[in-house]
Each structure stands twice: as structure tokens, then as C-alpha cells.
Amino acid sequence: MSFREIWKYGLLANVSVSLWGSEKRLDPEDLGLDSKHIPHKRSLGSTLLIPTVWHRKFTTLEARARRVPRRLGYVFNAPSGFFIPYKALNSFLNHIEHVTSDFNKEVKVFLDHYEKIKLEMRTTQIEDAKRAFKLYKIQHVRKDVDEDEYINSYISRIVRKYPSKKKLSTKFKIAYHLYTADIPPVSTELLDLDEHNINRVKNLQQTYKEKMIQNVHDLIDHAAYTARKRIQVSCEKLIETYELFGAYFRSNLDSLKLLMSEYDLIDIFDDVAFKKSMAMITERIFKAYTPYKISKSPIIKEQLYKDIQILHSIASKEEAIKLMAIRFKQKINL
């Protein structure tokens, strides 16, 4: 029994995204509070150092990058990553390239306007400082502190959190890594070990091997279920919408079409029967009619409804999914 045959069908992938935190952890003074009255290590939240629109741009691009392996692969437990079928590898690389390009463009624009962005935030920070000062005075913590002194102190704490432009440029990055997993090689001949420790090393290797075999078992079960599940859920949305409104949302139709077109890329099981059913719907409906024609023709809508029900029924067959996983495990001698 071996787990290595799985690498004939795909690779593991990790996508990492580095972003500047762009936040400052709030101190008691930032909220007009006395630090003596705050329990030790109690978090008071944080404040953004950049406009929300920029923060949202970067987090949206981060989410796009992290969705790529989830969309074109399957979770692999240890080492942590996503299994990307070879058929989906080019699509994976293309999507990562596109999102990285968009990411780098936004980073360049952000860096080019960095000083201006900091100045734009100053107005908001001064208003925050004024509100905090009012609370500070209400508590009568220190009556001798005037407003300007308090605001300057507040702004100085904020300014210290802004890195230089050069340092900031190193804090944005999207990267990916493709790899396989194997048992770590350990040669007992090269180690000055007694018999007890040699056996201990061998037992650790055996334990790792058994864990890897279990991880591949889990991967195959997960892949067999997940690939069809995505289409099953998409069908359910269309069926529910049609039954409620007698129509289909274009976004849901586009989502199903995309999932169907990508199924062959992520299918490692040679799921012929299911792909044949999808091809039938694609030829009869999606290639022949536009969403506009579907929306205008009751006959086409009803035919699509029946076809989607058939596709959903096939996608939902638990026994077929289990059998597909079992056959694939036998195929790779797992």
C-alpha cells in the first residue's frame, strides 16, 4: 500500500498573501481612558491607518488569490495545502498570474500616493483625537492637559506606526508554491544511535507513512464528494429560484455554466456518466440559448428546469460518489 501514486494525478499548492497590517492597536489614551482602569492585556480594538477603500481593495484581492486553489483543487490535510489536478494546473497558474498582476498594480498606485494618503487620514485622526480628549476630560484624570498637547501626543503615536515607503513596499506580496509530499528520509546508518533509538526512528517513519496514507484516503473521499457537491448546490439555487419566481437569475446560470466547464479540469476520477449528463445540458440549452432567450421562452425555461433536476439528481447520488472513490483508491493501489 502506497500513497505516492496520487502524485501522478496532481500536485499540492499553497498560496500565500502578505499585506501590511495598516492598523494601530488602540491604547487607553486613544479612547480617552486611564490605563490604570484597564485590565492587563485587555484589547481595546484597533484603528485603520489608511482609508477603508484601500483596505477593502487589498483584502478583496487577497480573497481572490486564496479562492483560486479552493476553486480548482481539494483540501489536503498534512502538509497543509490544496491538491491541484494536473488538468487544472494551467488554469491555476493563469488565475494566480491575473490576480497577482492586479494586486501589483494596486500596490504601485498605493505606494505612489502613500504620502498623500497619510495626509488625507490626518483629518480623521485629529477628529478622533478631539473626541478622545473630551472623554479624557470628563474623567478628570489630568486637568492640566490642554487639547493641543493631547492631540499632538495622539498623532505622534499614530505617525510612529507608518513604515517608510521603502519598507512598506516589502510588505505586499502574493506567492505560490507547488510540491508533493513524502516520508522524510532518515538513514540510521548515518546516525550514531543505539538499537532503541533506531527502532524509535523507524516507528516515527511508519507513523508518518500511515498518516500520509490516511490523508490521501481523506483527499479522495473529499474530492469525490466536493466536485459534485458544488454543482449540486448550484442546481439547488436555480431550482429554488424557478419554483419561487418562475425565472432564473443570470448570475446563477453563469455560475452553473462555469462549474460545469471546470468540472473536467478538477475531475481525477474520469467521471464519464456525470460529464455526459453535463454535456447534454450544455449542448441542448446553454450553447443554443442566451440567458435572454431563456428568460423569454416558457418552453425553454421548463426544459431547463427538468434538465437541472436530472443533473441535481445525478450529482446527489451518494452511493455513486462512494463507489467512484473506492474505484479510484483501487486504481492507485491505496
Protein backbone atom coordinates (compact mmCIF):
# COMPACT_ATOMS: atom_id res chain seq x y z
CA MET A 1 0.00 0.00 0.00
CA SER A 2 1.42 3.38 -1.04
CA PHE A 3 0.24 6.96 -1.24
CA ARG A 4 2.77 8.08 -3.89
CA GLU A 5 0.59 7.15 -6.88
CA ILE A 6 -1.61 10.16 -6.14
CA TRP A 7 1.18 12.45 -7.42
CA LYS A 8 0.61 11.08 -10.93
CA TYR A 9 -2.69 12.97 -10.90
CA GLY A 10 -1.77 16.29 -9.35
CA LEU A 11 0.36 18.45 -7.07
CA LEU A 12 -0.07 20.25 -3.78
CA ALA A 13 -0.29 24.03 -3.87
CA ASN A 14 -0.05 26.77 -1.28
CA VAL A 15 -0.93 30.38 -1.97
CA SER A 16 0.42 32.96 0.46
CA VAL A 17 -0.59 36.60 0.62
CA SER A 18 1.32 39.22 2.60
CA LEU A 19 -0.32 42.54 3.41
CA TRP A 20 0.68 45.50 5.51
CA GLY A 21 -1.44 45.36 8.65
CA SER A 22 -2.42 49.04 8.15
CA GLU A 23 -3.87 49.17 11.68
CA LYS A 24 -2.80 50.55 15.02
CA ARG A 25 -3.77 48.82 18.20
CA LEU A 26 -5.62 51.33 20.36
CA ASP A 27 -4.13 52.43 23.65
CA PRO A 28 -6.36 53.51 26.56
CA GLU A 29 -5.31 57.13 25.93
CA ASP A 30 -6.53 56.88 22.33
CA LEU A 31 -10.04 56.35 23.68
CA GLY A 32 -9.86 58.93 26.44
CA LEU A 33 -9.37 56.29 29.12
CA ASP A 34 -6.98 55.97 32.04
CA SER A 35 -4.69 52.97 31.58
CA LYS A 36 -4.87 52.32 35.33
CA HIS A 37 -8.54 51.40 34.93
CA ILE A 38 -7.96 48.90 32.08
CA PRO A 39 -7.27 45.22 32.94
CA HIS A 40 -3.86 43.98 31.84
CA LYS A 41 -3.70 42.73 28.22
CA ARG A 42 -7.29 43.73 27.55
CA SER A 43 -7.70 44.56 23.84
CA LEU A 44 -9.36 47.87 23.04
CA GLY A 45 -9.57 47.26 19.31
CA SER A 46 -7.68 48.99 16.53
CA THR A 47 -7.92 51.86 14.10
CA LEU A 48 -7.15 51.88 10.38
CA LEU A 49 -4.15 53.87 9.22
CA ILE A 50 -5.41 54.07 5.64
CA PRO A 51 -8.82 54.83 4.10
CA THR A 52 -11.30 51.96 4.19
CA VAL A 53 -11.45 51.87 0.39
CA TRP A 54 -7.76 50.92 0.19
CA HIS A 55 -8.06 48.37 2.98
CA ARG A 56 -11.01 46.80 1.16
CA LYS A 57 -9.13 46.71 -2.15
CA PHE A 58 -6.26 44.72 -0.68
CA THR A 59 -8.41 42.32 1.34
CA THR A 60 -10.59 41.70 -1.74
CA LEU A 61 -7.52 40.85 -3.82
CA GLU A 62 -6.27 38.62 -1.01
CA ALA A 63 -9.60 36.76 -1.01
CA ARG A 64 -9.42 36.38 -4.80
CA ALA A 65 -5.96 34.82 -4.55
CA ARG A 66 -6.96 32.42 -1.79
CA ARG A 67 -10.07 31.33 -3.71
CA VAL A 68 -8.03 30.05 -6.67
CA PRO A 69 -6.77 26.78 -5.09
CA ARG A 70 -10.13 26.25 -3.36
CA ARG A 71 -11.93 26.56 -6.67
CA LEU A 72 -9.56 24.39 -8.72
CA GLY A 73 -8.45 21.91 -6.07
CA TYR A 74 -9.22 20.00 -2.91
CA VAL A 75 -8.10 20.39 0.70
CA PHE A 76 -5.14 18.23 1.70
CA ASN A 77 -4.67 17.88 5.44
CA ALA A 78 -0.95 17.47 6.06
CA PRO A 79 1.20 19.03 4.88
CA SER A 80 -1.45 21.71 4.72
CA GLY A 81 -2.33 22.71 1.18
CA PHE A 82 -4.61 22.09 -1.78
CA PHE A 83 -4.39 19.22 -4.23
CA ILE A 84 -4.47 20.64 -7.77
CA PRO A 85 -5.16 18.08 -10.55
CA TYR A 86 -2.69 18.33 -13.43
CA LYS A 87 -5.56 19.10 -15.80
CA ALA A 88 -6.33 22.20 -13.73
CA LEU A 89 -2.71 23.32 -13.30
CA ASN A 90 -2.59 25.72 -16.26
CA SER A 91 -5.86 27.30 -15.17
CA PHE A 92 -4.50 27.61 -11.62
CA LEU A 93 -1.34 29.33 -12.85
CA ASN A 94 -3.29 31.67 -15.14
CA HIS A 95 -5.68 32.73 -12.39
CA ILE A 96 -2.81 33.33 -9.95
CA GLU A 97 -0.96 35.33 -12.59
CA HIS A 98 -4.01 37.53 -13.23
CA VAL A 99 -4.75 38.24 -9.59
CA THR A 100 -1.04 38.87 -8.88
CA SER A 101 -0.92 41.35 -11.75
CA ASP A 102 -4.00 43.19 -10.42
CA PHE A 103 -2.53 43.11 -6.91
CA ASN A 104 0.82 44.55 -8.01
CA LYS A 105 -0.90 47.34 -9.95
CA GLU A 106 -2.90 48.38 -6.88
CA VAL A 107 0.21 48.22 -4.69
CA LYS A 108 2.08 50.50 -7.11
CA VAL A 109 -0.74 53.05 -7.14
CA PHE A 110 -0.93 52.89 -3.34
CA LEU A 111 2.83 53.44 -2.93
CA ASP A 112 2.81 56.29 -5.45
CA HIS A 113 0.13 58.06 -3.37
CA TYR A 114 1.35 56.92 0.06
CA GLU A 115 2.30 60.36 1.39
CA LYS A 116 -0.95 61.87 0.13
CA ILE A 117 -2.95 59.05 1.71
CA LYS A 118 -1.28 59.68 5.08
CA LEU A 119 -2.15 63.36 4.90
CA GLU A 120 -5.76 62.53 3.98
CA MET A 121 -6.01 60.37 7.09
CA ARG A 122 -4.70 63.16 9.31
CA THR A 123 -8.05 64.99 9.34
CA THR A 124 -9.85 61.86 10.53
CA GLN A 125 -7.17 61.20 13.14
CA ILE A 126 -7.41 64.72 14.52
CA GLU A 127 -11.20 64.36 14.86
CA ASP A 128 -10.67 61.04 16.67
CA ALA A 129 -8.19 62.74 18.99
CA LYS A 130 -10.67 65.54 19.79
CA ARG A 131 -13.38 63.03 20.70
CA ALA A 132 -10.96 61.11 22.88
CA PHE A 133 -9.88 64.32 24.61
CA LYS A 134 -13.46 65.13 25.57
CA LEU A 135 -13.81 61.74 27.21
CA TYR A 136 -10.44 62.20 28.84
CA LYS A 137 -11.55 65.48 30.44
CA ILE A 138 -14.86 64.03 31.60
CA GLN A 139 -12.93 61.51 33.69
CA HIS A 140 -10.90 64.35 35.27
CA VAL A 141 -7.81 62.24 35.03
CA ARG A 142 -5.49 65.18 34.45
CA LYS A 143 -6.91 68.68 34.39
CA ASP A 144 -3.60 70.28 33.36
CA VAL A 145 -3.51 68.64 29.90
CA ASP A 146 -4.68 71.02 27.19
CA GLU A 147 -6.32 69.93 23.95
CA ASP A 148 -3.42 70.73 21.60
CA GLU A 149 -0.98 68.81 23.77
CA TYR A 150 -3.31 65.82 23.87
CA ILE A 151 -3.92 65.87 20.08
CA ASN A 152 -0.19 66.15 19.32
CA SER A 153 0.50 63.20 21.59
CA TYR A 154 -2.26 61.19 19.90
CA ILE A 155 -0.98 61.99 16.38
CA SER A 156 2.64 61.19 17.33
CA ARG A 157 1.57 57.71 18.47
CA ILE A 158 -0.20 57.22 15.14
CA VAL A 159 2.67 58.52 12.99
CA ARG A 160 5.12 56.07 14.56
CA LYS A 161 3.07 53.20 13.11
CA TYR A 162 3.60 54.28 9.49
CA PRO A 163 6.58 52.48 7.91
CA SER A 164 8.82 54.16 5.37
CA LYS A 165 7.80 53.82 1.73
CA LYS A 166 10.78 51.53 1.09
CA LYS A 167 9.93 49.23 3.97
CA LEU A 168 6.25 49.30 3.07
CA SER A 169 6.99 48.02 -0.45
CA THR A 170 8.28 44.76 1.07
CA LYS A 171 5.05 44.11 2.98
CA PHE A 172 2.89 43.31 -0.07
CA LYS A 173 3.32 40.02 -1.87
CA ILE A 174 1.41 37.14 -3.45
CA ALA A 175 3.31 33.90 -3.89
CA TYR A 176 2.52 30.25 -4.57
CA HIS A 177 4.38 27.01 -4.07
CA LEU A 178 3.84 23.69 -5.87
CA TYR A 179 5.11 20.50 -4.28
CA THR A 180 4.48 16.86 -3.39
CA ALA A 181 4.76 15.16 -0.01
CA ASP A 182 6.74 12.12 1.00
CA ILE A 183 8.12 10.40 4.09
CA PRO A 184 11.17 12.30 5.41
CA PRO A 185 14.24 10.16 4.60
CA VAL A 186 16.26 9.16 7.65
CA SER A 187 19.29 6.88 7.27
CA THR A 188 20.01 5.16 10.56
CA GLU A 189 23.44 4.22 9.19
CA LEU A 190 24.50 7.86 9.36
CA LEU A 191 23.24 8.33 12.89
CA ASP A 192 25.11 7.28 15.98
CA LEU A 193 22.08 5.63 17.58
CA ASP A 194 21.62 2.63 19.76
CA GLU A 195 19.11 -0.04 18.82
CA HIS A 196 16.34 1.53 20.90
CA ASN A 197 16.61 4.89 19.15
CA ILE A 198 16.96 3.28 15.72
CA ASN A 199 13.66 1.49 16.31
CA ARG A 200 12.17 4.73 17.52
CA VAL A 201 13.13 6.47 14.26
CA LYS A 202 11.67 3.61 12.23
CA ASN A 203 8.43 3.78 14.22
CA LEU A 204 8.18 7.52 13.60
CA GLN A 205 8.62 6.93 9.86
CA GLN A 206 5.94 4.24 9.91
CA THR A 207 3.57 6.52 11.80
CA TYR A 208 4.17 9.29 9.28
CA LYS A 209 3.56 6.86 6.40
CA GLU A 210 0.26 5.71 7.92
CA LYS A 211 -0.77 9.34 8.41
CA MET A 212 0.04 10.16 4.79
CA ILE A 213 -1.98 7.18 3.57
CA GLN A 214 -4.92 8.35 5.68
CA ASN A 215 -4.53 11.89 4.29
CA VAL A 216 -4.72 10.57 0.71
CA HIS A 217 -7.79 8.48 1.67
CA ASP A 218 -9.40 11.66 3.04
CA LEU A 219 -8.39 13.62 -0.05
CA ILE A 220 -10.05 11.14 -2.41
CA ASP A 221 -13.24 10.96 -0.35
CA HIS A 222 -13.34 14.75 -0.14
CA ALA A 223 -12.65 15.21 -3.87
CA ALA A 224 -15.36 12.73 -4.90
CA TYR A 225 -17.91 14.50 -2.72
CA THR A 226 -16.84 18.11 -3.26
CA ALA A 227 -16.62 18.15 -7.05
CA ARG A 228 -20.24 17.07 -7.45
CA LYS A 229 -21.41 18.98 -4.37
CA ARG A 230 -20.51 22.32 -5.95
CA ILE A 231 -22.73 21.59 -8.94
CA GLN A 232 -25.44 20.13 -6.71
CA VAL A 233 -25.65 23.36 -4.67
CA SER A 234 -25.68 25.48 -7.83
CA CYS A 235 -28.56 23.37 -9.21
CA GLU A 236 -30.49 23.77 -5.96
CA LYS A 237 -30.27 27.57 -6.21
CA LEU A 238 -31.64 27.52 -9.77
CA ILE A 239 -34.42 25.06 -8.90
CA GLU A 240 -35.46 27.10 -5.85
CA THR A 241 -35.46 30.35 -7.82
CA TYR A 242 -37.52 28.87 -10.64
CA GLU A 243 -40.07 27.35 -8.25
CA LEU A 244 -40.44 30.65 -6.39
CA PHE A 245 -40.36 33.15 -9.26
CA GLY A 246 -40.77 31.13 -12.46
CA ALA A 247 -37.45 32.55 -13.66
CA TYR A 248 -33.67 32.18 -13.32
CA PHE A 249 -31.12 34.70 -12.11
CA ARG A 250 -28.44 35.23 -14.73
CA SER A 251 -25.68 35.10 -12.09
CA ASN A 252 -26.85 31.64 -11.01
CA LEU A 253 -26.95 30.42 -14.61
CA ASP A 254 -23.44 31.76 -15.21
CA SER A 255 -22.22 30.11 -12.01
CA LEU A 256 -23.57 26.71 -13.07
CA LYS A 257 -22.08 27.06 -16.55
CA LEU A 258 -18.68 27.90 -15.04
CA LEU A 259 -18.79 24.95 -12.63
CA MET A 260 -19.76 22.61 -15.44
CA SER A 261 -16.97 23.88 -17.69
CA GLU A 262 -14.39 23.48 -14.90
CA TYR A 263 -15.55 20.03 -13.79
CA ASP A 264 -13.37 18.24 -16.32
CA LEU A 265 -10.34 20.13 -15.01
CA ILE A 266 -10.83 19.09 -11.40
CA ASP A 267 -12.14 15.57 -12.10
CA ILE A 268 -9.47 12.97 -11.26
CA PHE A 269 -11.95 10.07 -11.34
CA ASP A 270 -12.81 10.03 -15.06
CA ASP A 271 -16.45 10.59 -14.07
CA VAL A 272 -17.82 9.74 -17.52
CA ALA A 273 -21.52 9.35 -16.71
CA PHE A 274 -21.77 12.64 -14.88
CA LYS A 275 -19.81 14.55 -17.53
CA LYS A 276 -22.08 13.06 -20.20
CA SER A 277 -25.12 14.45 -18.39
CA MET A 278 -23.50 17.89 -18.17
CA ALA A 279 -22.56 17.78 -21.86
CA MET A 280 -26.18 17.05 -22.72
CA ILE A 281 -27.40 20.14 -20.88
CA THR A 282 -24.59 22.28 -22.28
CA GLU A 283 -25.36 21.29 -25.87
CA ARG A 284 -29.14 21.45 -25.58
CA ILE A 285 -29.55 24.58 -23.52
CA PHE A 286 -26.51 26.69 -22.73
CA LYS A 287 -24.94 26.62 -26.19
CA ALA A 288 -28.24 27.01 -28.04
CA TYR A 289 -29.81 29.80 -26.00
CA THR A 290 -28.69 33.01 -24.33
CA PRO A 291 -29.93 33.95 -20.84
CA TYR A 292 -32.20 36.48 -22.57
CA LYS A 293 -33.86 33.79 -24.72
CA ILE A 294 -34.23 31.54 -21.69
CA SER A 295 -35.97 34.36 -19.81
CA LYS A 296 -38.41 34.97 -22.68
CA SER A 297 -39.40 31.39 -23.50
CA PRO A 298 -41.60 29.40 -21.07
CA ILE A 299 -40.82 26.21 -23.04
CA ILE A 300 -37.06 26.67 -22.73
CA LYS A 301 -37.36 27.57 -19.03
CA GLU A 302 -39.37 24.43 -18.33
CA GLN A 303 -36.93 22.25 -20.29
CA LEU A 304 -34.02 23.77 -18.41
CA TYR A 305 -35.83 23.15 -15.12
CA LYS A 306 -36.20 19.44 -15.98
CA ASP A 307 -32.57 19.14 -17.10
CA ILE A 308 -31.29 20.82 -13.94
CA GLN A 309 -33.40 18.45 -11.83
CA ILE A 310 -31.83 15.49 -13.64
CA LEU A 311 -28.32 16.92 -13.15
CA HIS A 312 -29.05 17.57 -9.47
CA SER A 313 -30.33 14.02 -9.02
CA ILE A 314 -27.18 12.52 -10.52
CA ALA A 315 -24.90 14.85 -8.55
CA SER A 316 -26.64 13.84 -5.31
CA LYS A 317 -26.23 10.06 -5.60
CA GLU A 318 -24.22 9.18 -2.50
CA GLU A 319 -23.65 5.56 -3.49
CA ALA A 320 -22.24 6.58 -6.87
CA ILE A 321 -19.90 9.04 -5.16
CA LYS A 322 -18.66 6.40 -2.69
CA LEU A 323 -18.17 3.87 -5.48
CA MET A 324 -16.23 6.42 -7.53
CA ALA A 325 -13.86 7.00 -4.58
CA ILE A 326 -13.43 3.26 -3.93
CA ARG A 327 -12.57 2.54 -7.57
CA PHE A 328 -10.02 5.33 -7.67
CA LYS A 329 -8.34 4.08 -4.49
CA GLN A 330 -8.09 0.64 -6.08
CA LYS A 331 -6.68 2.21 -9.24
CA ILE A 332 -3.80 3.81 -7.36
CA ASN A 333 -3.26 0.76 -5.09
CA LEU A 334 -4.13 2.66 -1.93
